[in-house]
Amino acid sequence: GWPFVGVIYLPLGLIILIRNYKSSGLTKVVSISSYGLICLLIVLLTSSAIDIQMYKQWTSPTINILLYNASGNGDNLYG
């Protein structure tokens, strides 16, 4: 997936955590956060395993995009 989608969903996640904290307390927030972290780890580990298998090296799309844009070569793509 596109790495910047996480930035879009960050405010939504914070709203969900705040509303659950107000209605159910800290235990619900910890429960939701732990489920989210477990899902994140599963996705990242699966994606990393497939990338390592296909590219024969460790790679991260997020790091590659940041390095590409920060290195100064990104502006050559469109003139």
N, C-alpha and C. Protein backbone atom coordinates (compact mmCIF):
# COMPACT_ATOMS: atom_id res chain seq x y z
N GLY A 1 0.79 -1.18 0.00
CA GLY A 1 0.00 0.00 0.00
C GLY A 1 0.84 1.26 0.00
N TRP A 2 0.17 2.33 -0.14
CA TRP A 2 0.80 3.63 -0.19
C TRP A 2 1.13 4.07 1.24
N PRO A 3 2.38 4.38 1.56
CA PRO A 3 2.76 4.64 2.95
C PRO A 3 2.13 5.87 3.58
N PHE A 4 1.67 6.83 2.76
CA PHE A 4 1.13 8.05 3.34
C PHE A 4 -0.33 7.91 3.78
N VAL A 5 -0.94 6.79 3.52
CA VAL A 5 -2.32 6.58 3.95
C VAL A 5 -2.40 6.59 5.48
N GLY A 6 -1.36 6.13 6.14
CA GLY A 6 -1.33 6.14 7.60
C GLY A 6 -1.48 7.53 8.17
N VAL A 7 -0.92 8.51 7.49
CA VAL A 7 -1.03 9.90 7.95
C VAL A 7 -2.47 10.38 7.86
N ILE A 8 -3.19 9.93 6.85
CA ILE A 8 -4.58 10.34 6.68
C ILE A 8 -5.45 9.75 7.80
N TYR A 9 -5.18 8.52 8.20
CA TYR A 9 -5.99 7.85 9.21
C TYR A 9 -5.57 8.16 10.64
N LEU A 10 -4.48 8.85 10.84
CA LEU A 10 -4.02 9.19 12.19
C LEU A 10 -5.05 10.02 12.96
N PRO A 11 -5.63 11.09 12.40
CA PRO A 11 -6.66 11.83 13.15
C PRO A 11 -7.87 10.97 13.50
N LEU A 12 -8.29 10.11 12.58
CA LEU A 12 -9.42 9.24 12.86
C LEU A 12 -9.11 8.30 14.03
N GLY A 13 -7.92 7.74 14.03
CA GLY A 13 -7.52 6.87 15.13
C GLY A 13 -7.49 7.59 16.46
N LEU A 14 -7.00 8.83 16.46
CA LEU A 14 -6.97 9.60 17.70
C LEU A 14 -8.38 9.91 18.20
N ILE A 15 -9.28 10.23 17.28
CA ILE A 15 -10.67 10.49 17.67
C ILE A 15 -11.29 9.25 18.29
N ILE A 16 -11.05 8.10 17.70
CA ILE A 16 -11.59 6.85 18.23
C ILE A 16 -11.04 6.59 19.63
N LEU A 17 -9.74 6.79 19.82
CA LEU A 17 -9.15 6.57 21.14
C LEU A 17 -9.69 7.54 22.18
N ILE A 18 -9.85 8.80 21.81
CA ILE A 18 -10.37 9.80 22.76
C ILE A 18 -11.81 9.49 23.14
N ARG A 19 -12.63 9.14 22.17
CA ARG A 19 -14.04 8.82 22.47
C ARG A 19 -14.15 7.58 23.35
N ASN A 20 -13.32 6.56 23.07
CA ASN A 20 -13.37 5.37 23.91
C ASN A 20 -12.82 5.63 25.30
N TYR A 21 -11.86 6.53 25.42
CA TYR A 21 -11.35 6.88 26.75
C TYR A 21 -12.42 7.57 27.57
N LYS A 22 -13.18 8.46 26.93
CA LYS A 22 -14.23 9.19 27.64
C LYS A 22 -15.38 8.27 28.05
N SER A 23 -15.70 7.29 27.20
CA SER A 23 -16.86 6.44 27.49
C SER A 23 -16.51 5.18 28.28
N SER A 24 -15.33 4.59 28.03
CA SER A 24 -15.03 3.29 28.65
C SER A 24 -13.77 3.28 29.51
N GLY A 25 -12.98 4.31 29.45
CA GLY A 25 -11.81 4.37 30.29
C GLY A 25 -10.54 3.90 29.60
N LEU A 26 -9.48 3.88 30.39
CA LEU A 26 -8.15 3.59 29.86
C LEU A 26 -7.99 2.14 29.39
N THR A 27 -8.69 1.21 30.03
CA THR A 27 -8.53 -0.20 29.63
C THR A 27 -8.99 -0.43 28.20
N LYS A 28 -10.04 0.23 27.78
CA LYS A 28 -10.53 0.10 26.40
C LYS A 28 -9.52 0.69 25.42
N VAL A 29 -8.92 1.81 25.77
CA VAL A 29 -7.92 2.46 24.91
C VAL A 29 -6.70 1.56 24.76
N VAL A 30 -6.26 0.97 25.87
CA VAL A 30 -5.12 0.05 25.82
C VAL A 30 -5.45 -1.18 24.98
N SER A 31 -6.66 -1.68 25.10
CA SER A 31 -7.09 -2.84 24.32
C SER A 31 -7.10 -2.53 22.82
N ILE A 32 -7.68 -1.40 22.45
CA ILE A 32 -7.73 -1.00 21.03
C ILE A 32 -6.32 -0.77 20.50
N SER A 33 -5.49 -0.11 21.29
CA SER A 33 -4.11 0.17 20.86
C SER A 33 -3.31 -1.10 20.68
N SER A 34 -3.49 -2.06 21.58
CA SER A 34 -2.74 -3.31 21.45
C SER A 34 -3.20 -4.10 20.23
N TYR A 35 -4.49 -4.12 19.95
CA TYR A 35 -4.98 -4.78 18.73
C TYR A 35 -4.42 -4.10 17.48
N GLY A 36 -4.37 -2.78 17.50
CA GLY A 36 -3.81 -2.05 16.37
C GLY A 36 -2.34 -2.35 16.16
N LEU A 37 -1.57 -2.41 17.24
CA LEU A 37 -0.15 -2.74 17.13
C LEU A 37 0.08 -4.15 16.63
N ILE A 38 -0.75 -5.09 17.09
CA ILE A 38 -0.64 -6.47 16.61
C ILE A 38 -0.92 -6.55 15.11
N CYS A 39 -1.97 -5.87 14.66
CA CYS A 39 -2.29 -5.85 13.22
C CYS A 39 -1.17 -5.20 12.42
N LEU A 40 -0.62 -4.10 12.94
CA LEU A 40 0.48 -3.42 12.27
C LEU A 40 1.70 -4.33 12.15
N LEU A 41 2.04 -5.04 13.21
CA LEU A 41 3.18 -5.96 13.17
C LEU A 41 2.96 -7.10 12.17
N ILE A 42 1.75 -7.63 12.14
CA ILE A 42 1.45 -8.72 11.19
C ILE A 42 1.62 -8.24 9.76
N VAL A 43 1.08 -7.06 9.46
CA VAL A 43 1.18 -6.52 8.10
C VAL A 43 2.64 -6.22 7.74
N LEU A 44 3.37 -5.58 8.65
CA LEU A 44 4.76 -5.24 8.37
C LEU A 44 5.64 -6.47 8.22
N LEU A 45 5.45 -7.45 9.06
CA LEU A 45 6.25 -8.67 8.96
C LEU A 45 5.95 -9.44 7.68
N THR A 46 4.66 -9.51 7.32
CA THR A 46 4.29 -10.19 6.08
C THR A 46 4.86 -9.46 4.87
N SER A 47 4.71 -8.15 4.85
CA SER A 47 5.24 -7.36 3.74
C SER A 47 6.75 -7.46 3.65
N SER A 48 7.43 -7.41 4.79
CA SER A 48 8.89 -7.52 4.80
C SER A 48 9.34 -8.89 4.33
N ALA A 49 8.64 -9.94 4.75
CA ALA A 49 9.01 -11.29 4.32
C ALA A 49 8.86 -11.45 2.81
N ILE A 50 7.79 -10.91 2.25
CA ILE A 50 7.60 -10.99 0.79
C ILE A 50 8.65 -10.17 0.06
N ASP A 51 8.94 -8.97 0.56
CA ASP A 51 9.98 -8.13 -0.06
C ASP A 51 11.34 -8.82 -0.03
N ILE A 52 11.69 -9.42 1.09
CA ILE A 52 12.98 -10.11 1.20
C ILE A 52 13.03 -11.28 0.24
N GLN A 53 11.93 -12.01 0.12
CA GLN A 53 11.88 -13.16 -0.79
C GLN A 53 12.02 -12.72 -2.25
N MET A 54 11.36 -11.65 -2.62
CA MET A 54 11.36 -11.22 -4.02
C MET A 54 12.61 -10.43 -4.41
N TYR A 55 13.04 -9.51 -3.54
CA TYR A 55 14.16 -8.63 -3.88
C TYR A 55 15.51 -9.16 -3.39
N LYS A 56 15.49 -10.21 -2.59
CA LYS A 56 16.70 -10.81 -2.01
C LYS A 56 17.46 -9.84 -1.13
N GLN A 57 16.75 -8.84 -0.60
CA GLN A 57 17.33 -7.91 0.35
C GLN A 57 16.20 -7.24 1.12
N TRP A 58 16.55 -6.66 2.26
CA TRP A 58 15.55 -5.94 3.03
C TRP A 58 15.31 -4.60 2.37
N THR A 59 14.04 -4.25 2.24
CA THR A 59 13.68 -2.96 1.66
C THR A 59 12.42 -2.44 2.33
N SER A 60 12.25 -1.14 2.33
CA SER A 60 11.06 -0.53 2.90
C SER A 60 10.56 0.54 1.94
N PRO A 61 9.33 0.40 1.45
CA PRO A 61 8.79 1.40 0.54
C PRO A 61 8.76 2.80 1.16
N THR A 62 8.44 2.89 2.43
CA THR A 62 8.38 4.19 3.09
C THR A 62 9.75 4.85 3.11
N ILE A 63 10.77 4.11 3.49
CA ILE A 63 12.13 4.66 3.52
C ILE A 63 12.59 5.02 2.12
N ASN A 64 12.27 4.19 1.14
CA ASN A 64 12.66 4.47 -0.25
C ASN A 64 12.02 5.77 -0.75
N ILE A 65 10.75 5.98 -0.45
CA ILE A 65 10.08 7.21 -0.87
C ILE A 65 10.69 8.43 -0.19
N LEU A 66 10.94 8.32 1.11
CA LEU A 66 11.55 9.44 1.83
C LEU A 66 12.95 9.75 1.31
N LEU A 67 13.75 8.72 1.06
CA LEU A 67 15.09 8.96 0.54
C LEU A 67 15.06 9.55 -0.87
N TYR A 68 14.14 9.08 -1.69
CA TYR A 68 14.01 9.59 -3.04
C TYR A 68 13.64 11.07 -3.05
N ASN A 69 12.68 11.43 -2.22
CA ASN A 69 12.23 12.81 -2.17
C ASN A 69 13.22 13.72 -1.46
N ALA A 70 13.91 13.21 -0.46
CA ALA A 70 14.84 14.04 0.32
C ALA A 70 16.20 14.18 -0.34
N SER A 71 16.53 13.30 -1.26
CA SER A 71 17.85 13.34 -1.87
C SER A 71 17.98 14.45 -2.92
N GLY A 72 16.85 15.03 -3.33
CA GLY A 72 16.91 16.12 -4.31
C GLY A 72 16.71 15.64 -5.73
N ASN A 73 16.56 14.35 -5.95
CA ASN A 73 16.36 13.84 -7.30
C ASN A 73 14.88 13.74 -7.68
N GLY A 74 14.01 13.93 -6.73
CA GLY A 74 12.58 13.81 -6.98
C GLY A 74 12.02 14.85 -7.92
N ASP A 75 12.66 16.03 -7.96
CA ASP A 75 12.14 17.08 -8.83
C ASP A 75 12.49 16.86 -10.29
N ASN A 76 13.42 15.97 -10.60
CA ASN A 76 13.78 15.68 -11.97
C ASN A 76 12.72 14.85 -12.70
N LEU A 77 11.86 14.21 -11.93
CA LEU A 77 10.85 13.33 -12.52
C LEU A 77 9.86 14.12 -13.38
N TYR A 78 9.47 15.30 -12.93
CA TYR A 78 8.46 16.09 -13.64
C TYR A 78 9.01 17.39 -14.20
N GLY A 79 10.30 17.56 -14.20
CA GLY A 79 10.88 18.76 -14.81
C GLY A 79 11.23 19.72 -13.80
